[in-house]
Amino acid sequence: MSLFERLDELAAQGEPAALLTIVRKDGSAPRDVGDKMIVTGDDEYGTIGGGTVEHLAVQDARSVLSGADDPGVRTYELEPGGNTGMVCGGEMDVFIDRVRGQARLYIAGCGHVGVELAPLAERLGYAVTVVDDREAYADPGQFPDETDVIHGGYGDVLGDLPMGTETAVAVATRSGTFDQEAVAAALDGEAGYVGLVASETKANHVLDSLAESGYARRELSRVRTPVGLNLGGSGPAAVALSILSEVTMDRHDATGKRSTRLNLDDLVVVRGGGDLGSGVVYRLQQAGFPVIVTEVEQPTVVRRAVAFGAALYEDEVTVEGLTGRAAADIDEALELLADDVVPVLVDPEAAVADELNAAVLVDAIMAKGTFDTGTRRGDADVVIGMGPGFEAGEDVDAVVETDRRHELGRVFYEGAASEYDGEPGERRGYTHERVLRAPTDGEWTPTVAIGDTVTAGDVVGTVGELPVETEIDGLVRGLVHDGLSVSEGTKLGDVDPRGESVDPTKISDKALCLGGGVLEAVLRLR
């Protein structure tokens, strides 16, 4: 039997294999360009030279078969000091490709779902076999000519059919007992996909019975139930489509997500682009959510080195590798989103959430309950408030605790966060002392920059004609923008007594913690 006949035989059996071909030879090597061999999970056919080089190539081939490595060219050095340890004095390149076996779908049950599923799978290239213990249902006339229809017991028939990673088994019998037999046969055969069409109650009964009979929960966790992707629709045809979509997605190790350039189904709008809101934006964007930030026209952004709101002053900012840019309108914001840039819109009421039908709205204004921000449950599919001023289950869907004590970052789905006590976070015993505040109304002019080291008594800027002094030694971690009109008592910046051990360009632990809480709420409530 030739190698290609062997390869065809393996594919027909549904067994994937790796085909190895020598594509380049330099100097002395044991075989010639064009020589081939086949490697499966357990066997090898043919040779590309034997010895260490073949042993290494076989290992590489099995890594490709397992999905641990991609197909491609591997170079083997056949000389002292080379990667094979051989001394032939040459070098050879071997192309390793994965050849998939014939995709097979076994359907246990020739009822309504099976009748719809079989022809759909045939059109997508699956070799389909249907099994039913009722002779009247195991009727070849109900199925395409190519479909193999077998009348017999589910466990016995499936147990005799060849299975492997390229085999999918969809179980849709009329009885939990028969379901159990079919699922057991699919697990025993190590089918690549096992799906069970059943209600939650029936599915739990089947899986619990299999567990009692000795199947490990780890094995049972492979059984897809509820079966199929959630595509909507109803009836046997819709169920068949959802099953085959899931089977195909698993076979190709795909995500099942839309491939559009910009998908707004999961759009998140974050009200407030300060440092804490920006920690939320960072977490959400890293998790794959498109995020738009809304702000007032001149936000009092203190830790602007880590705040996307600063883009309204600087046009563009980068926070830990993530770029934020001011957007003039919604169209420009969408263009930025498509380029993985965080748009920052002047939109104090977050009207964009309604205009784009946002999935999630996060209020990160951090008003601390001192005024009503206007955020209401129903402004998006999921509405999340940060800190005091919100009640989960009433005006928002969830509240994230912002107090730096034990509850920091905890998500409440009922009730409220702790009330604001007016105390800034403590750093080495300092609270209010580390905060810089405006001594009067006027225009702020800083004389230091974020990242500068200062000493107690240093003038760090002026408001009008009055100087602003730091009360403590430390590193300037935040400052509002130069030229901002402020009122007496406005927070202008903060000094961190920990000094140069603090990196003002890094998102704070608190901001990341709050971002984690918001992400939890989004994933739970979406």
Protein backbone atom coordinates (compact mmCIF):
# COMPACT_ATOMS: atom_id res chain seq x y z
CA MET A 1 0.00 0.00 0.00
CA SER A 2 1.40 3.41 -0.97
CA LEU A 3 1.66 6.25 1.54
CA PHE A 4 -1.13 8.14 -0.16
CA GLU A 5 -3.37 5.08 -0.10
CA ARG A 6 -2.60 4.75 3.61
CA LEU A 7 -3.39 8.44 4.09
CA ASP A 8 -6.69 8.03 2.27
CA GLU A 9 -7.52 4.99 4.39
CA LEU A 10 -6.79 6.87 7.61
CA ALA A 11 -8.91 9.82 6.47
CA ALA A 12 -11.79 7.48 5.60
CA GLN A 13 -11.57 6.06 9.11
CA GLY A 14 -11.80 9.57 10.52
CA GLU A 15 -8.27 9.49 11.90
CA PRO A 16 -6.17 12.64 11.46
CA ALA A 17 -2.56 12.22 10.41
CA ALA A 18 0.53 14.32 9.83
CA LEU A 19 2.22 14.19 6.45
CA LEU A 20 5.97 14.90 6.57
CA THR A 21 7.78 15.89 3.37
CA ILE A 22 11.47 16.75 2.92
CA VAL A 23 11.41 20.06 1.05
CA ARG A 24 15.09 21.04 1.23
CA LYS A 25 18.36 19.18 1.62
CA ASP A 26 21.80 20.75 2.04
CA GLY A 27 24.90 18.59 2.21
CA SER A 28 24.76 15.03 3.48
CA ALA A 29 21.34 13.83 4.66
CA PRO A 30 19.83 10.34 4.93
CA ARG A 31 16.97 10.90 2.44
CA ASP A 32 16.15 13.04 -0.60
CA VAL A 33 13.85 15.99 -1.28
CA GLY A 34 10.30 14.75 -1.80
CA ASP A 35 10.59 11.74 0.50
CA LYS A 36 7.62 11.43 2.84
CA MET A 37 6.27 9.69 5.88
CA ILE A 38 2.96 9.63 7.76
CA VAL A 39 2.59 10.02 11.50
CA THR A 40 -0.58 9.37 13.55
CA GLY A 41 -1.12 9.54 17.26
CA ASP A 42 0.08 5.93 17.62
CA ASP A 43 1.79 4.84 14.42
CA GLU A 44 4.28 5.82 11.73
CA TYR A 45 4.39 4.85 8.07
CA GLY A 46 7.37 5.35 5.78
CA THR A 47 10.61 7.10 6.75
CA ILE A 48 12.50 10.33 6.22
CA GLY A 49 15.82 8.91 7.36
CA GLY A 50 15.48 7.18 10.68
CA GLY A 51 17.61 7.90 13.72
CA THR A 52 17.48 11.05 15.78
CA VAL A 53 16.27 13.32 12.98
CA GLU A 54 13.23 11.16 12.34
CA HIS A 55 12.55 10.83 16.06
CA LEU A 56 12.53 14.62 16.44
CA ALA A 57 10.38 15.06 13.34
CA VAL A 58 7.85 12.53 14.67
CA GLN A 59 7.68 14.43 17.97
CA ASP A 60 7.11 17.66 16.07
CA ALA A 61 4.45 16.00 13.94
CA ARG A 62 2.54 14.81 16.99
CA SER A 63 2.69 18.33 18.43
CA VAL A 64 1.04 19.53 15.21
CA LEU A 65 -1.54 16.76 15.42
CA SER A 66 -2.43 17.71 19.01
CA GLY A 67 -2.81 21.36 18.07
CA ALA A 68 0.07 22.42 20.31
CA ASP A 69 2.03 23.65 17.26
CA ASP A 70 1.08 24.93 13.82
CA PRO A 71 1.87 23.13 10.56
CA GLY A 72 4.95 24.40 8.76
CA VAL A 73 8.61 23.82 7.95
CA ARG A 74 11.00 22.46 10.57
CA THR A 75 14.77 22.61 10.07
CA TYR A 76 17.00 19.78 11.31
CA GLU A 77 20.78 20.32 11.51
CA LEU A 78 22.73 17.11 10.90
CA GLU A 79 26.10 18.24 12.17
CA PRO A 80 27.99 18.51 15.46
CA GLY A 81 26.41 21.17 17.63
CA GLY A 82 23.17 21.08 15.61
CA ASN A 83 19.71 20.45 17.00
CA THR A 84 19.76 16.71 16.20
CA GLY A 85 23.15 15.67 17.54
CA MET A 86 23.81 13.83 14.26
CA VAL A 87 27.10 14.11 12.36
CA CYS A 88 26.06 13.55 8.73
CA GLY A 89 27.28 17.04 7.93
CA GLY A 90 24.14 18.40 6.31
CA GLU A 91 20.78 20.02 6.96
CA MET A 92 17.23 19.35 5.86
CA ASP A 93 13.88 21.11 5.99
CA VAL A 94 10.75 19.05 6.60
CA PHE A 95 7.27 20.39 5.92
CA ILE A 96 4.80 19.02 8.45
CA ASP A 97 1.14 19.26 7.52
CA ARG A 98 -1.97 18.05 9.34
CA VAL A 99 -4.37 16.01 7.23
CA ARG A 100 -7.81 15.86 8.78
CA GLY A 101 -9.82 12.68 8.80
CA GLN A 102 -13.28 12.44 7.30
CA ALA A 103 -15.69 14.38 9.51
CA ARG A 104 -18.35 12.01 10.79
CA LEU A 105 -21.66 12.67 12.49
CA TYR A 106 -23.51 9.89 14.25
CA ILE A 107 -27.11 10.70 15.16
CA ALA A 108 -28.78 8.60 17.84
CA GLY A 109 -32.48 8.89 17.13
CA CYS A 110 -34.35 9.23 13.84
CA GLY A 111 -37.02 11.57 15.13
CA HIS A 112 -37.74 15.14 14.02
CA VAL A 113 -34.31 16.52 14.98
CA GLY A 114 -32.43 13.65 13.34
CA VAL A 115 -34.42 13.99 10.10
CA GLU A 116 -33.49 17.71 9.88
CA LEU A 117 -29.90 17.29 11.07
CA ALA A 118 -28.78 14.54 8.67
CA PRO A 119 -29.26 16.35 5.31
CA LEU A 120 -27.83 19.58 6.70
CA ALA A 121 -24.67 17.76 7.84
CA GLU A 122 -24.41 15.92 4.50
CA ARG A 123 -24.36 19.27 2.67
CA LEU A 124 -21.45 20.39 4.84
CA GLY A 125 -19.41 17.31 3.99
CA TYR A 126 -20.02 15.14 7.06
CA ALA A 127 -20.36 11.39 6.61
CA VAL A 128 -23.64 10.79 8.44
CA THR A 129 -24.92 7.68 10.18
CA VAL A 130 -28.30 7.61 11.93
CA VAL A 131 -29.36 4.95 14.42
CA ASP A 132 -32.77 4.07 15.84
CA ASP A 133 -34.04 1.05 17.72
CA ARG A 134 -37.47 1.38 16.04
CA GLU A 135 -37.64 -0.20 12.59
CA ALA A 136 -40.31 2.22 11.36
CA TYR A 137 -38.12 5.21 12.21
CA ALA A 138 -34.92 3.69 10.80
CA ASP A 139 -36.31 4.26 7.33
CA PRO A 140 -33.73 5.14 4.64
CA GLY A 141 -36.49 6.90 2.71
CA GLN A 142 -36.49 9.72 5.28
CA PHE A 143 -32.83 10.54 4.71
CA PRO A 144 -30.45 11.45 1.85
CA ASP A 145 -29.12 8.56 -0.20
CA GLU A 146 -25.63 9.09 1.25
CA THR A 147 -26.81 8.69 4.84
CA ASP A 148 -26.13 5.34 6.47
CA VAL A 149 -29.31 4.28 8.32
CA ILE A 150 -29.01 1.53 10.93
CA HIS A 151 -31.76 -0.20 12.87
CA GLY A 152 -30.53 -1.48 16.22
CA GLY A 153 -29.75 -0.74 19.86
CA TYR A 154 -28.03 2.59 20.41
CA GLY A 155 -25.23 1.33 22.63
CA ASP A 156 -24.49 -1.73 20.52
CA VAL A 157 -24.51 0.05 17.16
CA LEU A 158 -22.52 3.09 18.26
CA GLY A 159 -20.07 0.88 20.10
CA ASP A 160 -19.24 -0.90 16.83
CA LEU A 161 -18.76 2.25 14.76
CA PRO A 162 -15.28 3.79 14.38
CA MET A 163 -14.84 6.97 16.43
CA GLY A 164 -12.15 9.53 17.09
CA THR A 165 -11.50 13.23 17.34
CA GLU A 166 -13.18 13.85 13.96
CA THR A 167 -16.39 12.13 15.09
CA ALA A 168 -19.39 13.98 16.50
CA VAL A 169 -22.28 12.20 18.20
CA ALA A 170 -25.65 13.93 18.58
CA VAL A 171 -27.99 12.10 20.93
CA ALA A 172 -31.72 12.71 20.50
CA THR A 173 -33.57 9.54 21.48
CA ARG A 174 -37.04 9.29 22.99
CA SER A 175 -35.89 7.99 26.38
CA GLY A 176 -33.40 8.87 29.09
CA THR A 177 -32.34 5.25 29.24
CA PHE A 178 -31.50 5.21 25.52
CA ASP A 179 -29.82 8.60 25.84
CA GLN A 180 -27.62 7.14 28.54
CA GLU A 181 -26.62 4.19 26.33
CA ALA A 182 -25.76 6.46 23.41
CA VAL A 183 -23.79 8.98 25.47
CA ALA A 184 -21.85 6.16 27.15
CA ALA A 185 -20.91 4.67 23.75
CA ALA A 186 -19.77 8.10 22.49
CA LEU A 187 -17.62 8.68 25.57
CA ASP A 188 -16.16 5.17 25.38
CA GLY A 189 -15.30 5.77 21.72
CA GLU A 190 -13.62 9.11 22.61
CA ALA A 191 -15.75 11.00 20.12
CA GLY A 192 -14.56 14.56 19.57
CA TYR A 193 -18.03 15.98 20.21
CA VAL A 194 -20.89 14.57 22.28
CA GLY A 195 -24.16 16.52 22.37
CA LEU A 196 -27.37 15.60 24.19
CA VAL A 197 -30.77 16.98 23.16
CA ALA A 198 -32.66 17.04 26.45
CA SER A 199 -34.35 19.23 29.02
CA GLU A 200 -32.29 20.23 32.03
CA THR A 201 -34.09 17.70 34.21
CA LYS A 202 -33.60 14.86 31.71
CA ALA A 203 -29.97 15.81 31.07
CA ASN A 204 -29.19 15.86 34.80
CA HIS A 205 -30.79 12.42 35.18
CA VAL A 206 -28.72 11.00 32.31
CA LEU A 207 -25.43 12.46 33.57
CA ASP A 208 -26.08 11.51 37.20
CA SER A 209 -26.89 7.94 36.15
CA LEU A 210 -23.67 7.74 34.14
CA ALA A 211 -21.72 9.10 37.11
CA GLU A 212 -23.25 6.43 39.34
CA SER A 213 -22.23 3.78 36.81
CA GLY A 214 -18.59 4.85 37.02
CA TYR A 215 -18.03 7.67 34.54
CA ALA A 216 -15.88 10.46 35.94
CA ARG A 217 -17.35 13.93 36.11
CA ARG A 218 -14.38 15.08 34.04
CA GLU A 219 -15.57 12.80 31.22
CA LEU A 220 -19.18 13.88 31.62
CA SER A 221 -18.24 17.55 31.43
CA ARG A 222 -17.52 16.96 27.72
CA VAL A 223 -21.19 16.31 27.05
CA ARG A 224 -22.77 19.42 25.52
CA THR A 225 -26.16 19.95 27.09
CA PRO A 226 -28.11 22.12 26.52
CA VAL A 227 -26.93 21.21 23.06
CA GLY A 228 -26.04 23.62 20.28
CA LEU A 229 -25.32 27.33 19.97
CA ASN A 230 -27.96 29.79 21.06
CA LEU A 231 -29.06 31.00 17.63
CA GLY A 232 -32.69 31.68 18.44
CA GLY A 233 -35.63 30.19 16.59
CA SER A 234 -37.62 27.10 17.46
CA GLY A 235 -38.58 23.77 16.01
CA PRO A 236 -36.51 20.78 14.82
CA ALA A 237 -34.84 22.64 11.92
CA ALA A 238 -33.60 25.42 14.22
CA VAL A 239 -32.34 22.87 16.75
CA ALA A 240 -30.52 20.99 13.98
CA LEU A 241 -28.86 24.19 12.78
CA SER A 242 -27.74 25.08 16.31
CA ILE A 243 -26.28 21.58 16.84
CA LEU A 244 -24.38 21.52 13.56
CA SER A 245 -23.09 25.06 14.19
CA GLU A 246 -21.64 23.93 17.51
CA VAL A 247 -20.22 20.73 16.03
CA THR A 248 -18.49 22.68 13.25
CA MET A 249 -17.25 25.37 15.65
CA ASP A 250 -15.67 22.73 17.90
CA ARG A 251 -14.16 20.81 15.00
CA HIS A 252 -12.39 23.90 13.71
CA ASP A 253 -11.57 25.21 17.19
CA ALA A 254 -13.37 28.46 16.34
CA THR A 255 -14.87 31.04 18.71
CA GLY A 256 -18.34 31.31 17.25
CA LYS A 257 -18.07 35.10 17.47
CA ARG A 258 -19.00 37.48 14.72
CA SER A 259 -16.21 38.28 12.28
CA THR A 260 -17.40 41.79 11.53
CA ARG A 261 -14.82 44.58 11.79
CA LEU A 262 -16.84 46.23 14.55
CA ASN A 263 -19.48 44.44 16.61
CA LEU A 264 -21.54 46.74 18.81
CA ASP A 265 -23.65 43.99 20.37
CA ASP A 266 -21.46 44.17 23.50
CA LEU A 267 -20.87 47.93 23.49
CA VAL A 268 -20.07 49.42 26.91
CA VAL A 269 -20.41 53.14 27.64
CA VAL A 270 -18.46 54.38 30.67
CA ARG A 271 -19.53 57.72 32.14
CA GLY A 272 -16.38 59.29 33.56
CA GLY A 273 -12.84 59.03 32.29
CA GLY A 274 -10.95 59.59 35.53
CA ASP A 275 -8.33 57.18 36.84
CA LEU A 276 -10.86 54.80 38.42
CA GLY A 277 -13.17 54.80 35.42
CA SER A 278 -10.13 54.26 33.21
CA GLY A 279 -9.19 51.16 35.20
CA VAL A 280 -12.67 49.86 34.35
CA VAL A 281 -12.20 50.76 30.67
CA TYR A 282 -8.87 48.94 30.60
CA ARG A 283 -10.28 45.75 32.12
CA LEU A 284 -13.28 45.70 29.78
CA GLN A 285 -11.27 46.45 26.65
CA GLN A 286 -8.70 43.77 27.52
CA ALA A 287 -11.60 41.32 27.88
CA GLY A 288 -12.76 42.14 24.34
CA PHE A 289 -15.55 44.65 24.97
CA PRO A 290 -15.75 47.79 22.79
CA VAL A 291 -15.84 50.80 25.14
CA ILE A 292 -16.78 54.46 24.66
CA VAL A 293 -15.95 56.99 27.40
CA THR A 294 -18.17 60.03 27.95
CA GLU A 295 -17.12 63.14 29.84
CA VAL A 296 -17.95 66.77 30.55
CA GLU A 297 -16.25 69.35 28.35
CA GLN A 298 -13.52 70.18 30.90
CA PRO A 299 -13.19 67.25 33.30
CA THR A 300 -11.17 67.72 36.50
CA VAL A 301 -8.93 64.77 35.79
CA VAL A 302 -6.36 64.49 38.59
CA ARG A 303 -4.34 61.36 37.80
CA ARG A 304 -4.34 62.21 34.15
CA ALA A 305 -1.36 59.99 33.30
CA VAL A 306 -3.75 57.06 33.72
CA ALA A 307 -7.04 58.72 32.73
CA PHE A 308 -8.67 58.53 29.31
CA GLY A 309 -10.58 61.72 30.12
CA ALA A 310 -7.28 63.58 29.62
CA ALA A 311 -7.70 63.02 25.87
CA LEU A 312 -10.13 65.96 25.84
CA TYR A 313 -7.14 68.19 26.69
CA GLU A 314 -4.35 66.35 24.89
CA ASP A 315 -6.30 64.86 21.96
CA GLU A 316 -4.69 61.46 22.55
CA VAL A 317 -3.43 59.57 25.60
CA THR A 318 -1.98 56.12 26.11
CA VAL A 319 -2.67 54.21 29.31
CA GLU A 320 -0.58 51.06 29.70
CA GLY A 321 -0.46 50.53 25.94
CA LEU A 322 -4.14 51.30 25.34
CA THR A 323 -4.79 54.45 23.32
CA GLY A 324 -7.66 56.83 23.99
CA ARG A 325 -8.52 59.66 21.62
CA ALA A 326 -10.98 62.53 21.63
CA ALA A 327 -13.88 61.99 19.22
CA ALA A 328 -15.86 64.88 17.78
CA ASP A 329 -19.03 62.85 17.30
CA ILE A 330 -20.49 59.34 17.28
CA ASP A 331 -19.34 58.59 13.72
CA GLU A 332 -15.75 59.40 14.66
CA ALA A 333 -16.11 57.36 17.85
CA LEU A 334 -17.18 54.31 15.83
CA GLU A 335 -14.26 54.78 13.46
CA LEU A 336 -11.88 54.81 16.45
CA LEU A 337 -13.51 51.70 17.94
CA ALA A 338 -12.90 49.84 14.70
CA ASP A 339 -9.18 50.61 15.13
CA ASP A 340 -9.11 49.38 18.76
CA VAL A 341 -8.85 52.94 20.08
CA VAL A 342 -10.95 54.09 23.05
CA PRO A 343 -13.09 57.07 21.93
CA VAL A 344 -13.66 59.88 24.47
CA LEU A 345 -16.79 61.94 23.75
CA VAL A 346 -17.99 65.18 25.29
CA ASP A 347 -21.38 63.81 26.29
CA PRO A 348 -22.22 64.61 29.95
CA GLU A 349 -25.56 62.76 29.85
CA ALA A 350 -24.14 59.70 28.02
CA ALA A 351 -26.75 60.10 25.30
CA VAL A 352 -24.58 57.87 23.09
CA ALA A 353 -25.71 54.87 25.16
CA ASP A 354 -29.27 55.35 23.94
CA GLU A 355 -28.31 56.29 20.39
CA LEU A 356 -26.18 53.17 19.92
CA ASN A 357 -28.37 50.92 22.07
CA ALA A 358 -25.44 50.11 24.36
CA ALA A 359 -25.43 46.74 26.08
CA VAL A 360 -23.86 48.15 29.26
CA LEU A 361 -23.67 51.56 30.92
CA VAL A 362 -21.18 52.09 33.75
CA ASP A 363 -21.46 55.21 35.88
CA ALA A 364 -17.87 55.96 36.92
CA ILE A 365 -18.42 59.66 37.62
CA MET A 366 -17.57 58.97 41.29
CA ALA A 367 -20.06 61.53 42.60
CA LYS A 368 -19.95 59.59 45.91
CA GLY A 369 -23.63 60.26 46.47
CA THR A 370 -23.15 64.03 46.69
CA PHE A 371 -25.46 64.57 43.69
CA ASP A 372 -27.70 62.62 41.35
CA THR A 373 -25.75 61.79 38.18
CA GLY A 374 -28.94 60.92 36.31
CA THR A 375 -27.99 57.30 35.60
CA ARG A 376 -31.04 55.06 35.71
CA ARG A 377 -31.79 51.39 35.34
CA GLY A 378 -33.00 50.92 31.78
CA ASP A 379 -30.45 53.30 30.24
CA ALA A 380 -28.87 50.12 28.81
CA ASP A 381 -29.44 46.37 29.05
CA VAL A 382 -27.15 46.37 32.09
CA VAL A 383 -26.50 49.46 34.23
CA ILE A 384 -23.72 49.47 36.83
CA GLY A 385 -22.98 52.15 39.41
CA MET A 386 -19.62 52.64 41.12
CA GLY A 387 -19.59 53.65 44.76
CA PRO A 388 -22.23 55.31 46.94
CA GLY A 389 -25.27 57.01 45.43
CA PHE A 390 -26.75 53.94 43.75
CA GLU A 391 -28.98 51.10 44.91
CA ALA A 392 -28.75 47.81 43.06
CA GLY A 393 -32.12 46.43 42.09
CA GLU A 394 -33.67 49.88 42.19
CA ASP A 395 -31.90 52.55 40.10
CA VAL A 396 -29.09 50.29 38.75
CA ASP A 397 -28.60 46.57 38.18
CA ALA A 398 -25.37 46.30 40.20
CA VAL A 399 -23.16 48.44 42.43
CA VAL A 400 -19.39 48.06 42.83
CA GLU A 401 -17.89 48.96 46.21
CA THR A 402 -15.22 51.67 45.99
CA ASP A 403 -14.26 51.97 49.67
CA ARG A 404 -10.66 50.83 50.19
CA ARG A 405 -11.49 48.50 53.04
CA HIS A 406 -12.25 44.77 52.94
CA GLU A 407 -15.21 45.08 50.54
CA LEU A 408 -13.28 46.95 47.80
CA GLY A 409 -14.36 45.73 44.36
CA ARG A 410 -17.22 43.58 45.69
CA VAL A 411 -20.34 43.61 43.51
CA PHE A 412 -23.77 44.10 45.07
CA TYR A 413 -26.77 42.94 43.07
CA GLU A 414 -29.09 44.19 45.80
CA GLY A 415 -28.48 47.13 48.11
CA ALA A 416 -25.86 49.87 48.07
CA ALA A 417 -22.17 50.48 48.61
CA SER A 418 -20.93 51.98 51.87
CA GLU A 419 -21.55 55.69 52.34
CA TYR A 420 -18.78 58.15 51.56
CA ASP A 421 -17.04 59.22 54.77
CA GLY A 422 -15.10 62.12 53.25
CA GLU A 423 -11.74 60.56 54.08
CA PRO A 424 -9.15 60.21 51.29
CA GLY A 425 -7.33 56.90 51.13
CA GLU A 426 -4.55 56.53 53.71
CA ARG A 427 -0.91 56.41 52.61
CA ARG A 428 1.74 55.91 55.30
CA GLY A 429 -0.51 57.54 57.84
CA TYR A 430 -1.45 60.52 55.65
CA THR A 431 -4.99 61.17 54.36
CA HIS A 432 -6.10 64.79 53.86
CA GLU A 433 -2.48 65.96 54.07
CA ARG A 434 -1.57 64.37 50.77
CA VAL A 435 -4.39 66.07 48.81
CA LEU A 436 -3.76 69.41 47.10
CA ARG A 437 -6.80 71.71 47.12
CA ALA A 438 -7.63 75.12 45.71
CA PRO A 439 -7.36 77.89 48.36
CA THR A 440 -9.76 80.13 46.42
CA ASP A 441 -11.71 80.45 43.18
CA GLY A 442 -9.60 81.12 40.11
CA GLU A 443 -7.39 79.71 37.36
CA TRP A 444 -5.00 76.90 38.27
CA THR A 445 -1.37 77.18 37.19
CA PRO A 446 0.91 74.30 38.24
CA THR A 447 4.65 74.82 38.77
CA VAL A 448 5.47 71.10 39.06
CA ALA A 449 4.69 68.08 36.90
CA ILE A 450 3.34 64.63 37.57
CA GLY A 451 6.28 62.45 38.64
CA ASP A 452 8.20 65.28 40.34
CA THR A 453 9.49 64.81 43.88
CA VAL A 454 8.46 67.55 46.35
CA THR A 455 9.18 68.47 49.96
CA ALA A 456 6.69 69.70 52.55
CA GLY A 457 6.21 73.45 52.11
CA ASP A 458 7.08 73.49 48.42
CA VAL A 459 4.83 75.61 46.21
CA VAL A 460 3.37 73.32 43.56
CA GLY A 461 1.26 75.95 41.78
CA THR A 462 -1.09 78.89 42.16
CA VAL A 463 -4.80 79.58 41.98
CA GLY A 464 -5.14 83.19 40.98
CA GLU A 465 -2.52 84.92 43.09
CA LEU A 466 -2.53 82.43 45.95
CA PRO A 467 0.15 79.72 46.23
CA VAL A 468 -0.67 76.05 46.70
CA GLU A 469 1.78 74.22 48.96
CA THR A 470 2.28 70.55 49.66
CA GLU A 471 1.98 69.50 53.29
CA ILE A 472 4.11 66.37 52.92
CA ASP A 473 7.19 65.01 51.17
CA GLY A 474 6.56 62.67 48.29
CA LEU A 475 5.95 62.16 44.59
CA VAL A 476 3.39 64.20 42.65
CA ARG A 477 1.02 61.50 41.48
CA GLY A 478 -1.73 63.64 40.02
CA LEU A 479 -2.49 67.20 38.90
CA VAL A 480 -5.47 68.69 37.12
CA HIS A 481 -4.74 70.42 33.83
CA ASP A 482 -3.09 73.80 33.59
CA GLY A 483 -5.47 76.71 33.05
CA LEU A 484 -8.53 74.98 34.51
CA SER A 485 -10.97 77.29 36.31
CA VAL A 486 -11.55 75.87 39.78
CA SER A 487 -13.57 76.66 42.87
CA GLU A 488 -12.29 76.90 46.41
CA GLY A 489 -11.73 73.41 47.83
CA THR A 490 -11.46 71.72 44.42
CA LYS A 491 -9.02 68.82 44.41
CA LEU A 492 -6.03 69.90 42.34
CA GLY A 493 -3.76 66.91 42.77
CA ASP A 494 -2.20 64.52 45.23
CA VAL A 495 1.23 63.72 46.63
CA ASP A 496 2.14 60.12 47.41
CA PRO A 497 4.42 59.78 50.46
CA ARG A 498 5.79 56.51 49.11
CA GLY A 499 7.86 58.57 46.71
CA GLU A 500 9.66 57.09 43.74
CA SER A 501 8.47 53.55 44.51
CA VAL A 502 5.18 54.64 42.90
CA ASP A 503 4.84 54.76 39.09
CA PRO A 504 2.23 57.42 38.19
CA THR A 505 1.92 55.95 34.70
CA LYS A 506 0.57 52.62 36.02
CA ILE A 507 -3.12 52.02 36.66
CA SER A 508 -3.62 51.76 40.42
CA ASP A 509 -4.45 48.55 42.22
CA LYS A 510 -7.76 50.12 43.29
CA ALA A 511 -8.72 50.99 39.71
CA LEU A 512 -7.92 47.49 38.49
CA CYS A 513 -9.87 45.98 41.38
CA LEU A 514 -12.91 48.08 40.52
CA GLY A 515 -12.48 47.11 36.89
CA GLY A 516 -12.58 43.46 37.92
CA GLY A 517 -15.81 44.05 39.82
CA VAL A 518 -17.44 45.73 36.84
CA LEU A 519 -16.27 42.93 34.54
CA GLU A 520 -17.83 40.37 36.89
CA ALA A 521 -21.15 42.20 36.80
CA VAL A 522 -21.07 42.52 33.02
CA LEU A 523 -20.35 38.82 32.50
CA ARG A 524 -22.99 37.77 35.02
CA LEU A 525 -25.79 40.06 33.86
CA ARG A 526 -25.26 40.12 30.07
